[in-house]
Every structure is written in C-alpha cells, then in structure tokens.
Amino acid sequence: AGRASAYDLRYRTSAPSTDTLSWWNAATKVPSGSL
C-alpha cells in the first residue's frame, strides 16, 4: 500500500561480493535529482 518517499541508487564496475555493505559504501551514488 501507498508509496515510498525516496530512492538511493548506486553503482560500481565490480559486482558485489558477500559483503554488500562494503560494496554499497564504496559505490558511486546517483544524484537524488536524477531519480
């Protein structure tokens, strides 16, 4: 029901391993204005 408030999209040129949190923290964040 309803809708979320915002998105956070990130990317890297390497795939996440089992440690997704470390991958996420080192990834490039897409500006919120582009989402």
Full PDB file with SEQRES, HELIX, SHEET, SSBOND, CRYST1, ORIGX, SCALE, CONECT and MASTER records, all heavy atoms in Angstrom:
SEQRES   1 A   35  ALA GLY ARG ALA SER ALA TYR ASP LEU ARG TYR ARG THR          
SEQRES   2 A   35  SER ALA PRO SER THR ASP THR LEU SER TRP TRP ASN ALA          
SEQRES   3 A   35  ALA THR LYS VAL PRO SER GLY SER LEU                          
HELIX    1 AA1 THR A   20  ALA A   26  1                                   7    
HELIX    2 AA2 SER A   32  SER A   34  5                                   3    
SHEET    1 AA1 2 ARG A  10  TYR A  11  0                                        
SHEET    2 AA1 2 THR A  28  LYS A  29 -1                                        
CRYST1    1.000    1.000    1.000  90.00  90.00  90.00 P 1           1          
ORIGX1      1.000000  0.000000  0.000000        0.00000                         
ORIGX2      0.000000  1.000000  0.000000        0.00000                         
ORIGX3      0.000000  0.000000  1.000000        0.00000                         
SCALE1      1.000000  0.000000  0.000000        0.00000                         
SCALE2      0.000000  1.000000  0.000000        0.00000                         
SCALE3      0.000000  0.000000  1.000000        0.00000                         
ATOM      1  N   ALA A   1       0.837  -1.198   0.000  1.00  0.00           N  
ATOM      2  CA  ALA A   1       0.000   0.000   0.000  1.00  0.00           C  
ATOM      3  C   ALA A   1       0.874   1.251   0.000  1.00  0.00           C  
ATOM      4  O   ALA A   1       1.978   1.263   0.520  1.00  0.00           O  
ATOM      5  CB  ALA A   1      -0.911   0.005   1.218  1.00  0.00           C  
ATOM      6  N   GLY A   2       0.325   2.311  -0.567  1.00  0.00           N  
ATOM      7  CA  GLY A   2       0.996   3.610  -0.535  1.00  0.00           C  
ATOM      8  C   GLY A   2       2.217   3.662  -1.427  1.00  0.00           C  
ATOM      9  O   GLY A   2       2.320   2.975  -2.439  1.00  0.00           O  
ATOM     10  N   ARG A   3       3.175   4.500  -1.018  1.00  0.00           N  
ATOM     11  CA  ARG A   3       4.392   4.636  -1.804  1.00  0.00           C  
ATOM     12  C   ARG A   3       5.551   4.998  -0.887  1.00  0.00           C  
ATOM     13  O   ARG A   3       5.351   5.561   0.188  1.00  0.00           O  
ATOM     14  CB  ARG A   3       4.233   5.703  -2.888  1.00  0.00           C  
ATOM     15  CG  ARG A   3       4.042   7.118  -2.353  1.00  0.00           C  
ATOM     16  CD  ARG A   3       4.008   8.128  -3.496  1.00  0.00           C  
ATOM     17  NE  ARG A   3       2.789   8.010  -4.268  1.00  0.00           N  
ATOM     18  CZ  ARG A   3       2.589   8.633  -5.428  1.00  0.00           C  
ATOM     19  NH1 ARG A   3       3.551   9.379  -5.942  1.00  0.00           N  
ATOM     20  NH2 ARG A   3       1.454   8.495  -6.076  1.00  0.00           N  
ATOM     21  N   ALA A   4       6.765   4.671  -1.315  1.00  0.00           N  
ATOM     22  CA  ALA A   4       7.970   5.043  -0.575  1.00  0.00           C  
ATOM     23  C   ALA A   4       8.214   6.540  -0.733  1.00  0.00           C  
ATOM     24  O   ALA A   4       7.534   7.222  -1.514  1.00  0.00           O  
ATOM     25  CB  ALA A   4       9.163   4.237  -1.081  1.00  0.00           C  
ATOM     26  N   SER A   5       9.200   7.070  -0.002  1.00  0.00           N  
ATOM     27  CA  SER A   5       9.477   8.508  -0.047  1.00  0.00           C  
ATOM     28  C   SER A   5      10.608   8.874  -0.993  1.00  0.00           C  
ATOM     29  O   SER A   5      10.596   9.941  -1.602  1.00  0.00           O  
ATOM     30  CB  SER A   5       9.808   9.034   1.359  1.00  0.00           C  
ATOM     31  OG  SER A   5       8.675   8.923   2.196  1.00  0.00           O  
ATOM     32  N   ALA A   6      11.631   8.006  -1.116  1.00  0.00           N  
ATOM     33  CA  ALA A   6      12.779   8.335  -1.959  1.00  0.00           C  
ATOM     34  C   ALA A   6      13.552   7.068  -2.284  1.00  0.00           C  
ATOM     35  O   ALA A   6      13.397   6.032  -1.633  1.00  0.00           O  
ATOM     36  CB  ALA A   6      13.694   9.347  -1.255  1.00  0.00           C  
ATOM     37  N   TYR A   7      14.398   7.178  -3.334  1.00  0.00           N  
ATOM     38  CA  TYR A   7      15.263   6.077  -3.731  1.00  0.00           C  
ATOM     39  C   TYR A   7      16.724   6.462  -3.520  1.00  0.00           C  
ATOM     40  O   TYR A   7      17.096   7.639  -3.525  1.00  0.00           O  
ATOM     41  CB  TYR A   7      15.077   5.747  -5.211  1.00  0.00           C  
ATOM     42  CG  TYR A   7      13.751   5.137  -5.563  1.00  0.00           C  
ATOM     43  CD1 TYR A   7      12.916   5.727  -6.511  1.00  0.00           C  
ATOM     44  CD2 TYR A   7      13.334   3.943  -4.983  1.00  0.00           C  
ATOM     45  CE1 TYR A   7      11.709   5.159  -6.866  1.00  0.00           C  
ATOM     46  CE2 TYR A   7      12.120   3.370  -5.320  1.00  0.00           C  
ATOM     47  CZ  TYR A   7      11.315   3.976  -6.266  1.00  0.00           C  
ATOM     48  OH  TYR A   7      10.115   3.409  -6.594  1.00  0.00           O  
ATOM     49  N   ASP A   8      17.556   5.442  -3.369  1.00  0.00           N  
ATOM     50  CA  ASP A   8      19.011   5.602  -3.341  1.00  0.00           C  
ATOM     51  C   ASP A   8      19.572   4.542  -4.274  1.00  0.00           C  
ATOM     52  O   ASP A   8      19.453   3.344  -4.008  1.00  0.00           O  
ATOM     53  CB  ASP A   8      19.550   5.429  -1.924  1.00  0.00           C  
ATOM     54  CG  ASP A   8      21.036   5.786  -1.811  1.00  0.00           C  
ATOM     55  OD1 ASP A   8      21.692   5.936  -2.859  1.00  0.00           O  
ATOM     56  OD2 ASP A   8      21.527   5.911  -0.682  1.00  0.00           O  
ATOM     57  N   LEU A   9      20.153   4.990  -5.398  1.00  0.00           N  
ATOM     58  CA  LEU A   9      20.683   4.083  -6.414  1.00  0.00           C  
ATOM     59  C   LEU A   9      22.190   4.271  -6.496  1.00  0.00           C  
ATOM     60  O   LEU A   9      22.679   5.400  -6.597  1.00  0.00           O  
ATOM     61  CB  LEU A   9      20.039   4.381  -7.773  1.00  0.00           C  
ATOM     62  CG  LEU A   9      20.573   3.596  -8.967  1.00  0.00           C  
ATOM     63  CD1 LEU A   9      20.289   2.110  -8.805  1.00  0.00           C  
ATOM     64  CD2 LEU A   9      19.947   4.133 -10.265  1.00  0.00           C  
ATOM     65  N   ARG A  10      22.941   3.161  -6.465  1.00  0.00           N  
ATOM     66  CA  ARG A  10      24.400   3.243  -6.514  1.00  0.00           C  
ATOM     67  C   ARG A  10      24.948   2.208  -7.494  1.00  0.00           C  
ATOM     68  O   ARG A  10      24.309   1.190  -7.771  1.00  0.00           O  
ATOM     69  CB  ARG A  10      25.005   3.042  -5.123  1.00  0.00           C  
ATOM     70  CG  ARG A  10      24.466   4.038  -4.109  1.00  0.00           C  
ATOM     71  CD  ARG A  10      25.204   4.008  -2.797  1.00  0.00           C  
ATOM     72  NE  ARG A  10      24.561   4.881  -1.809  1.00  0.00           N  
ATOM     73  CZ  ARG A  10      25.084   5.203  -0.642  1.00  0.00           C  
ATOM     74  NH1 ARG A  10      26.288   4.729  -0.302  1.00  0.00           N  
ATOM     75  NH2 ARG A  10      24.433   5.989   0.194  1.00  0.00           N  
ATOM     76  N   TYR A  11      26.173   2.488  -7.982  1.00  0.00           N  
ATOM     77  CA  TYR A  11      26.747   1.585  -8.974  1.00  0.00           C  
ATOM     78  C   TYR A  11      28.268   1.545  -8.868  1.00  0.00           C  
ATOM     79  O   TYR A  11      28.913   2.469  -8.367  1.00  0.00           O  
ATOM     80  CB  TYR A  11      26.340   2.011 -10.389  1.00  0.00           C  
ATOM     81  CG  TYR A  11      26.841   3.370 -10.802  1.00  0.00           C  
ATOM     82  CD1 TYR A  11      28.074   3.515 -11.457  1.00  0.00           C  
ATOM     83  CD2 TYR A  11      26.095   4.525 -10.564  1.00  0.00           C  
ATOM     84  CE1 TYR A  11      28.530   4.762 -11.847  1.00  0.00           C  
ATOM     85  CE2 TYR A  11      26.539   5.776 -10.950  1.00  0.00           C  
ATOM     86  CZ  TYR A  11      27.761   5.885 -11.595  1.00  0.00           C  
ATOM     87  OH  TYR A  11      28.219   7.119 -11.975  1.00  0.00           O  
ATOM     88  N   ARG A  12      28.830   0.441  -9.372  1.00  0.00           N  
ATOM     89  CA  ARG A  12      30.283   0.257  -9.463  1.00  0.00           C  
ATOM     90  C   ARG A  12      30.578  -0.589 -10.697  1.00  0.00           C  
ATOM     91  O   ARG A  12      29.669  -1.174 -11.299  1.00  0.00           O  
ATOM     92  CB  ARG A  12      30.831  -0.436  -8.214  1.00  0.00           C  
ATOM     93  CG  ARG A  12      30.728   0.378  -6.944  1.00  0.00           C  
ATOM     94  CD  ARG A  12      31.305  -0.366  -5.745  1.00  0.00           C  
ATOM     95  NE  ARG A  12      32.764  -0.548  -5.871  1.00  0.00           N  
ATOM     96  CZ  ARG A  12      33.504  -1.179  -4.974  1.00  0.00           C  
ATOM     97  NH1 ARG A  12      32.931  -1.695  -3.886  1.00  0.00           N  
ATOM     98  NH2 ARG A  12      34.803  -1.311  -5.134  1.00  0.00           N  
ATOM     99  N   THR A  13      31.851  -0.676 -11.045  1.00  0.00           N  
ATOM    100  CA  THR A  13      32.250  -1.520 -12.165  1.00  0.00           C  
ATOM    101  C   THR A  13      32.628  -2.928 -11.707  1.00  0.00           C  
ATOM    102  O   THR A  13      33.064  -3.735 -12.516  1.00  0.00           O  
ATOM    103  CB  THR A  13      33.441  -0.894 -12.910  1.00  0.00           C  
ATOM    104  OG1 THR A  13      34.515  -0.664 -11.984  1.00  0.00           O  
ATOM    105  CG2 THR A  13      33.037   0.429 -13.550  1.00  0.00           C  
ATOM    106  N   SER A  14      32.459  -3.212 -10.442  1.00  0.00           N  
ATOM    107  CA  SER A  14      32.668  -4.564  -9.920  1.00  0.00           C  
ATOM    108  C   SER A  14      31.387  -5.021  -9.243  1.00  0.00           C  
ATOM    109  O   SER A  14      30.643  -4.224  -8.661  1.00  0.00           O  
ATOM    110  CB  SER A  14      33.828  -4.597  -8.922  1.00  0.00           C  
ATOM    111  OG  SER A  14      33.561  -3.737  -7.822  1.00  0.00           O  
ATOM    112  N   ALA A  15      31.136  -6.304  -9.312  1.00  0.00           N  
ATOM    113  CA  ALA A  15      29.909  -6.855  -8.724  1.00  0.00           C  
ATOM    114  C   ALA A  15      30.060  -6.987  -7.214  1.00  0.00           C  
ATOM    115  O   ALA A  15      31.167  -7.193  -6.701  1.00  0.00           O  
ATOM    116  CB  ALA A  15      29.609  -8.210  -9.338  1.00  0.00           C  
ATOM    117  N   PRO A  16      28.956  -6.870  -6.473  1.00  0.00           N  
ATOM    118  CA  PRO A  16      29.028  -7.063  -5.025  1.00  0.00           C  
ATOM    119  C   PRO A  16      29.444  -8.491  -4.676  1.00  0.00           C  
ATOM    120  O   PRO A  16      29.084  -9.444  -5.373  1.00  0.00           O  
ATOM    121  CB  PRO A  16      27.598  -6.784  -4.559  1.00  0.00           C  
ATOM    122  CG  PRO A  16      26.974  -6.012  -5.661  1.00  0.00           C  
ATOM    123  CD  PRO A  16      27.609  -6.499  -6.920  1.00  0.00           C  
ATOM    124  N   SER A  17      30.203  -8.621  -3.617  1.00  0.00           N  
ATOM    125  CA  SER A  17      30.556  -9.942  -3.106  1.00  0.00           C  
ATOM    126  C   SER A  17      29.567 -10.284  -1.987  1.00  0.00           C  
ATOM    127  O   SER A  17      28.444  -9.782  -1.960  1.00  0.00           O  
ATOM    128  CB  SER A  17      31.995  -9.929  -2.585  1.00  0.00           C  
ATOM    129  OG  SER A  17      32.130  -8.999  -1.518  1.00  0.00           O  
ATOM    130  N   THR A  18      29.991 -11.085  -1.054  1.00  0.00           N  
ATOM    131  CA  THR A  18      29.104 -11.402   0.064  1.00  0.00           C  
ATOM    132  C   THR A  18      28.967 -10.213   1.010  1.00  0.00           C  
ATOM    133  O   THR A  18      28.016 -10.147   1.793  1.00  0.00           O  
ATOM    134  CB  THR A  18      29.649 -12.611   0.830  1.00  0.00           C  
ATOM    135  OG1 THR A  18      31.013 -12.344   1.223  1.00  0.00           O  
ATOM    136  CG2 THR A  18      29.617 -13.863  -0.051  1.00  0.00           C  
ATOM    137  N   ASP A  19      29.897  -9.264   0.941  1.00  0.00           N  
ATOM    138  CA  ASP A  19      29.847  -8.080   1.805  1.00  0.00           C  
ATOM    139  C   ASP A  19      29.202  -6.928   1.036  1.00  0.00           C  
ATOM    140  O   ASP A  19      29.878  -6.039   0.529  1.00  0.00           O  
ATOM    141  CB  ASP A  19      31.263  -7.707   2.249  1.00  0.00           C  
ATOM    142  CG  ASP A  19      31.257  -6.564   3.273  1.00  0.00           C  
ATOM    143  OD1 ASP A  19      30.157  -6.105   3.630  1.00  0.00           O  
ATOM    144  OD2 ASP A  19      32.350  -6.136   3.678  1.00  0.00           O  
ATOM    145  N   THR A  20      27.885  -6.951   0.928  1.00  0.00           N  
ATOM    146  CA  THR A  20      27.172  -5.930   0.156  1.00  0.00           C  
ATOM    147  C   THR A  20      27.319  -4.549   0.779  1.00  0.00           C  
ATOM    148  O   THR A  20      27.390  -3.542   0.068  1.00  0.00           O  
ATOM    149  CB  THR A  20      25.680  -6.292   0.046  1.00  0.00           C  
ATOM    150  OG1 THR A  20      25.559  -7.610  -0.492  1.00  0.00           O  
ATOM    151  CG2 THR A  20      24.940  -5.313  -0.850  1.00  0.00           C  
ATOM    152  N   LEU A  21      27.398  -4.480   2.106  1.00  0.00           N  
ATOM    153  CA  LEU A  21      27.511  -3.187   2.770  1.00  0.00           C  
ATOM    154  C   LEU A  21      28.786  -2.458   2.351  1.00  0.00           C  
ATOM    155  O   LEU A  21      28.755  -1.262   2.054  1.00  0.00           O  
ATOM    156  CB  LEU A  21      27.476  -3.360   4.286  1.00  0.00           C  
ATOM    157  CG  LEU A  21      27.663  -2.071   5.106  1.00  0.00           C  
ATOM    158  CD1 LEU A  21      26.562  -1.072   4.794  1.00  0.00           C  
ATOM    159  CD2 LEU A  21      27.696  -2.395   6.603  1.00  0.00           C  
ATOM    160  N   SER A  22      29.913  -3.167   2.327  1.00  0.00           N  
ATOM    161  CA  SER A  22      31.170  -2.535   1.911  1.00  0.00           C  
ATOM    162  C   SER A  22      31.094  -2.080   0.455  1.00  0.00           C  
ATOM    163  O   SER A  22      31.572  -0.997   0.100  1.00  0.00           O  
ATOM    164  CB  SER A  22      32.337  -3.501   2.106  1.00  0.00           C  
ATOM    165  OG  SER A  22      32.522  -3.795   3.474  1.00  0.00           O  
ATOM    166  N   TRP A  23      30.492  -2.925  -0.397  1.00  0.00           N  
ATOM    167  CA  TRP A  23      30.306  -2.542  -1.804  1.00  0.00           C  
ATOM    168  C   TRP A  23      29.470  -1.267  -1.890  1.00  0.00           C  
ATOM    169  O   TRP A  23      29.801  -0.340  -2.628  1.00  0.00           O  
ATOM    170  CB  TRP A  23      29.639  -3.690  -2.554  1.00  0.00           C  
ATOM    171  CG  TRP A  23      29.443  -3.445  -4.015  1.00  0.00           C  
ATOM    172  CD1 TRP A  23      30.247  -3.871  -5.027  1.00  0.00           C  
ATOM    173  CD2 TRP A  23      28.356  -2.732  -4.635  1.00  0.00           C  
ATOM    174  NE1 TRP A  23      29.749  -3.454  -6.235  1.00  0.00           N  
ATOM    175  CE2 TRP A  23      28.585  -2.746  -6.028  1.00  0.00           C  
ATOM    176  CE3 TRP A  23      27.232  -2.064  -4.157  1.00  0.00           C  
ATOM    177  CZ2 TRP A  23      27.722  -2.136  -6.936  1.00  0.00           C  
ATOM    178  CZ3 TRP A  23      26.371  -1.451  -5.055  1.00  0.00           C  
ATOM    179  CH2 TRP A  23      26.615  -1.490  -6.420  1.00  0.00           C  
ATOM    180  N   TRP A  24      28.392  -1.229  -1.137  1.00  0.00           N  
ATOM    181  CA  TRP A  24      27.469  -0.092  -1.153  1.00  0.00           C  
ATOM    182  C   TRP A  24      28.168   1.189  -0.711  1.00  0.00           C  
ATOM    183  O   TRP A  24      28.022   2.242  -1.340  1.00  0.00           O  
ATOM    184  CB  TRP A  24      26.287  -0.408  -0.251  1.00  0.00           C  
ATOM    185  CG  TRP A  24      25.268   0.688  -0.117  1.00  0.00           C  
ATOM    186  CD1 TRP A  24      25.199   1.628   0.859  1.00  0.00           C  
ATOM    187  CD2 TRP A  24      24.161   0.941  -0.994  1.00  0.00           C  
ATOM    188  NE1 TRP A  24      24.126   2.461   0.669  1.00  0.00           N  
ATOM    189  CE2 TRP A  24      23.463   2.060  -0.467  1.00  0.00           C  
ATOM    190  CE3 TRP A  24      23.686   0.337  -2.151  1.00  0.00           C  
ATOM    191  CZ2 TRP A  24      22.329   2.585  -1.076  1.00  0.00           C  
ATOM    192  CZ3 TRP A  24      22.543   0.856  -2.754  1.00  0.00           C  
ATOM    193  CH2 TRP A  24      21.889   1.962  -2.219  1.00  0.00           C  
ATOM    194  N   ASN A  25      28.942   1.132   0.339  1.00  0.00           N  
ATOM    195  CA  ASN A  25      29.603   2.328   0.867  1.00  0.00           C  
ATOM    196  C   ASN A  25      30.661   2.868  -0.088  1.00  0.00           C  
ATOM    197  O   ASN A  25      30.950   4.071  -0.089  1.00  0.00           O  
ATOM    198  CB  ASN A  25      30.242   2.025   2.222  1.00  0.00           C  
ATOM    199  CG  ASN A  25      29.210   1.817   3.310  1.00  0.00           C  
ATOM    200  OD1 ASN A  25      28.086   2.322   3.231  1.00  0.00           O  
ATOM    201  ND2 ASN A  25      29.561   1.055   4.346  1.00  0.00           N  
ATOM    202  N   ALA A  26      31.243   2.005  -0.911  1.00  0.00           N  
ATOM    203  CA  ALA A  26      32.279   2.430  -1.852  1.00  0.00           C  
ATOM    204  C   ALA A  26      31.717   2.768  -3.228  1.00  0.00           C  
ATOM    205  O   ALA A  26      32.454   3.258  -4.088  1.00  0.00           O  
ATOM    206  CB  ALA A  26      33.345   1.342  -1.986  1.00  0.00           C  
ATOM    207  N   ALA A  27      30.437   2.535  -3.442  1.00  0.00           N  
ATOM    208  CA  ALA A  27      29.833   2.728  -4.760  1.00  0.00           C  
ATOM    209  C   ALA A  27      29.547   4.202  -5.025  1.00  0.00           C  
ATOM    210  O   ALA A  27      29.450   5.025  -4.112  1.00  0.00           O  
ATOM    211  CB  ALA A  27      28.547   1.906  -4.866  1.00  0.00           C  
ATOM    212  N   THR A  28      29.388   4.523  -6.310  1.00  0.00           N  
ATOM    213  CA  THR A  28      29.020   5.878  -6.726  1.00  0.00           C  
ATOM    214  C   THR A  28      27.516   6.063  -6.575  1.00  0.00           C  
ATOM    215  O   THR A  28      26.735   5.238  -7.052  1.00  0.00           O  
ATOM    216  CB  THR A  28      29.419   6.117  -8.192  1.00  0.00           C  
ATOM    217  OG1 THR A  28      30.841   5.980  -8.319  1.00  0.00           O  
ATOM    218  CG2 THR A  28      29.003   7.513  -8.648  1.00  0.00           C  
ATOM    219  N   LYS A  29      27.136   7.145  -5.925  1.00  0.00           N  
ATOM    220  CA  LYS A  29      25.719   7.415  -5.693  1.00  0.00           C  
ATOM    221  C   LYS A  29      25.156   8.265  -6.815  1.00  0.00           C  
ATOM    222  O   LYS A  29      25.717   9.305  -7.166  1.00  0.00           O  
ATOM    223  CB  LYS A  29      25.539   8.130  -4.348  1.00  0.00           C  
ATOM    224  CG  LYS A  29      24.085   8.401  -3.990  1.00  0.00           C  
ATOM    225  CD  LYS A  29      23.979   9.016  -2.593  1.00  0.00           C  
ATOM    226  CE  LYS A  29      22.522   9.283  -2.219  1.00  0.00           C  
ATOM    227  NZ  LYS A  29      22.388   9.829  -0.857  1.00  0.00           N  
ATOM    228  N   VAL A  30      24.052   7.840  -7.386  1.00  0.00           N  
ATOM    229  CA  VAL A  30      23.361   8.632  -8.404  1.00  0.00           C  
ATOM    230  C   VAL A  30      22.705   9.823  -7.721  1.00  0.00           C  
ATOM    231  O   VAL A  30      22.013   9.657  -6.707  1.00  0.00           O  
ATOM    232  CB  VAL A  30      22.308   7.775  -9.127  1.00  0.00           C  
ATOM    233  CG1 VAL A  30      21.510   8.630 -10.117  1.00  0.00           C  
ATOM    234  CG2 VAL A  30      22.980   6.607  -9.844  1.00  0.00           C  
ATOM    235  N   PRO A  31      22.905  11.057  -8.218  1.00  0.00           N  
ATOM    236  CA  PRO A  31      22.295  12.229  -7.567  1.00  0.00           C  
ATOM    237  C   PRO A  31      20.793  12.059  -7.407  1.00  0.00           C  
ATOM    238  O   PRO A  31      20.106  11.557  -8.304  1.00  0.00           O  
ATOM    239  CB  PRO A  31      22.639  13.372  -8.536  1.00  0.00           C  
ATOM    240  CG  PRO A  31      23.869  12.918  -9.241  1.00  0.00           C  
ATOM    241  CD  PRO A  31      23.722  11.432  -9.381  1.00  0.00           C  
ATOM    242  N   SER A  32      20.295  12.467  -6.265  1.00  0.00           N  
ATOM    243  CA  SER A  32      18.861  12.294  -5.980  1.00  0.00           C  
ATOM    244  C   SER A  32      17.994  13.009  -7.001  1.00  0.00           C  
ATOM    245  O   SER A  32      16.883  12.573  -7.295  1.00  0.00           O  
ATOM    246  CB  SER A  32      18.546  12.789  -4.568  1.00  0.00           C  
ATOM    247  OG  SER A  32      18.912  14.165  -4.425  1.00  0.00           O  
ATOM    248  N   GLY A  33      18.509  14.131  -7.559  1.00  0.00           N  
ATOM    249  CA  GLY A  33      17.723  14.865  -8.547  1.00  0.00           C  
ATOM    250  C   GLY A  33      17.546  14.111  -9.848  1.00  0.00           C  
ATOM    251  O   GLY A  33      16.695  14.474 -10.667  1.00  0.00           O  
ATOM    252  N   SER A  34      18.345  13.064 -10.065  1.00  0.00           N  
ATOM    253  CA  SER A  34      18.217  12.257 -11.274  1.00  0.00           C  
ATOM    254  C   SER A  34      17.278  11.063 -11.091  1.00  0.00           C  
ATOM    255  O   SER A  34      17.011  10.338 -12.049  1.00  0.00           O  
ATOM    256  CB  SER A  34      19.597  11.738 -11.706  1.00  0.00           C  
ATOM    257  OG  SER A  34      20.477  12.803 -11.980  1.00  0.00           O  
ATOM    258  N   LEU A  35      16.806  10.858  -9.870  1.00  0.00           N  
ATOM    259  CA  LEU A  35      15.933   9.724  -9.583  1.00  0.00           C  
ATOM    260  C   LEU A  35      14.477  10.165  -9.506  1.00  0.00           C  
ATOM    261  O   LEU A  35      14.188  11.284  -9.070  1.00  0.00           O  
ATOM    262  CB  LEU A  35      16.342   9.068  -8.263  1.00  0.00           C  
ATOM    263  CG  LEU A  35      17.748   8.461  -8.234  1.00  0.00           C  
ATOM    264  CD1 LEU A  35      18.077   7.970  -6.830  1.00  0.00           C  
ATOM    265  CD2 LEU A  35      17.853   7.319  -9.235  1.00  0.00           C  
TER     266      LEU A  35                                                      
MASTER        0    0    0    2    2    0    0    6  265    1    0    3          
END                                                                             
